[in-house]
C-alpha atoms as a PDB file:
ATOM      1  CA  MET A   1      16.704 -32.446  -7.704  1.00  0.00           C
ATOM      2  CA  VAL A   2      16.957 -30.480  -4.439  1.00  0.00           C
ATOM      3  CA  PRO A   3      18.731 -27.454  -6.002  1.00  0.00           C
ATOM      4  CA  LEU A   4      16.045 -27.287  -8.694  1.00  0.00           C
ATOM      5  CA  LEU A   5      13.319 -27.286  -6.037  1.00  0.00           C
ATOM      6  CA  LEU A   6      15.162 -24.588  -4.074  1.00  0.00           C
ATOM      7  CA  VAL A   7      15.456 -22.393  -7.166  1.00  0.00           C
ATOM      8  CA  LEU A   8      11.766 -22.862  -7.980  1.00  0.00           C
ATOM      9  CA  LEU A   9      10.826 -22.074  -4.369  1.00  0.00           C
ATOM     10  CA  LEU A  10      12.987 -18.948  -4.402  1.00  0.00           C
ATOM     11  CA  ALA A  11      11.411 -17.803  -7.678  1.00  0.00           C
ATOM     12  CA  LEU A  12       7.933 -18.362  -6.233  1.00  0.00           C
ATOM     13  CA  ILE A  13       8.780 -16.391  -3.076  1.00  0.00           C
ATOM     14  CA  LEU A  14      10.269 -13.500  -5.056  1.00  0.00           C
ATOM     15  CA  PHE A  15       7.273 -13.427  -7.410  1.00  0.00           C
ATOM     16  CA  GLY A  16       4.899 -13.358  -4.433  1.00  0.00           C
ATOM     17  CA  ALA A  17       6.884 -10.609  -2.729  1.00  0.00           C
ATOM     18  CA  GLY A  18       6.955  -8.540  -5.913  1.00  0.00           C
ATOM     19  CA  PHE A  19       3.199  -8.886  -6.318  1.00  0.00           C
ATOM     20  CA  ALA A  20       2.607  -7.949  -2.663  1.00  0.00           C
ATOM     21  CA  VAL A  21       4.886  -4.895  -2.941  1.00  0.00           C
ATOM     22  CA  LYS A  22       3.049  -3.755  -6.067  1.00  0.00           C
ATOM     23  CA  ILE A  23      -0.309  -4.093  -4.279  1.00  0.00           C
ATOM     24  CA  LEU A  24       1.077  -2.180  -1.285  1.00  0.00           C
ATOM     25  CA  TRP A  25       2.191   0.670  -3.580  1.00  0.00           C
ATOM     26  CA  TRP A  26      -1.350   0.948  -4.988  1.00  0.00           C
ATOM     27  CA  VAL A  27      -2.807   0.911  -1.459  1.00  0.00           C
ATOM     28  CA  ALA A  28      -0.370   3.628  -0.373  1.00  0.00           C
ATOM     29  CA  ILE A  29      -1.301   5.794  -3.374  1.00  0.00           C
ATOM     30  CA  ALA A  30      -5.024   5.339  -2.630  1.00  0.00           C
ATOM     31  CA  VAL A  31      -4.536   6.325   1.025  1.00  0.00           C
ATOM     32  CA  LEU A  32      -2.534   9.381  -0.005  1.00  0.00           C
ATOM     33  CA  VAL A  33      -5.268  10.489  -2.424  1.00  0.00           C
ATOM     34  CA  ILE A  34      -7.964  10.034   0.241  1.00  0.00           C
ATOM     35  CA  TRP A  35      -5.858  11.979   2.742  1.00  0.00           C
ATOM     36  CA  LEU A  36      -5.322  14.819   0.266  1.00  0.00           C
ATOM     37  CA  ILE A  37      -9.037  14.991  -0.566  1.00  0.00           C
ATOM     38  CA  GLY A  38      -9.857  15.111   3.150  1.00  0.00           C
ATOM     39  CA  PHE A  39      -7.210  17.773   3.718  1.00  0.00           C
ATOM     40  CA  ILE A  40      -8.552  19.966   0.899  1.00  0.00           C
ATOM     41  CA  ALA A  41     -12.259  19.412   1.610  1.00  0.00           C
ATOM     42  CA  ARG A  42     -12.155  19.834   5.382  1.00  0.00           C
ATOM     43  CA  PRO A  43     -14.813  22.012   7.008  1.00  0.00           C
ATOM     44  CA  LYS A  44     -13.708  25.562   7.699  1.00  0.00           C
ATOM     45  CA  ASN A  45     -15.382  25.885  11.097  1.00  0.00           C
ATOM     46  CA  SER A  46     -13.597  22.943  12.729  1.00  0.00           C
ATOM     47  CA  SER A  47     -10.328  22.894  14.614  1.00  0.00           C
ATOM     48  CA  GLY A  48      -8.418  22.069  11.450  1.00  0.00           C
ATOM     49  CA  ARG A  49      -8.717  18.304  11.626  1.00  0.00           C
ATOM     50  CA  TRP A  50     -11.064  16.444   9.303  1.00  0.00           C
ATOM     51  CA  TYR A  51     -10.628  13.130  11.080  1.00  0.00           C
ATOM     52  CA  ARG A  52     -12.002  12.263  14.515  1.00  0.00           C
ATOM     53  CA  TRP A  53      -8.995  10.653  16.197  1.00  0.00           C
END
């Protein structure tokens, strides 16, 4: 019974990690797109940075 529970727990952890990694990939792609839009659409009269920090 214990090995079966360990296998089910491992499968649940790996499924959760795979889902989290997939979400993180989509977040990374969204941040990259926002950064590229900000880089392209930056004002010409500034010091070259479109962000404040």
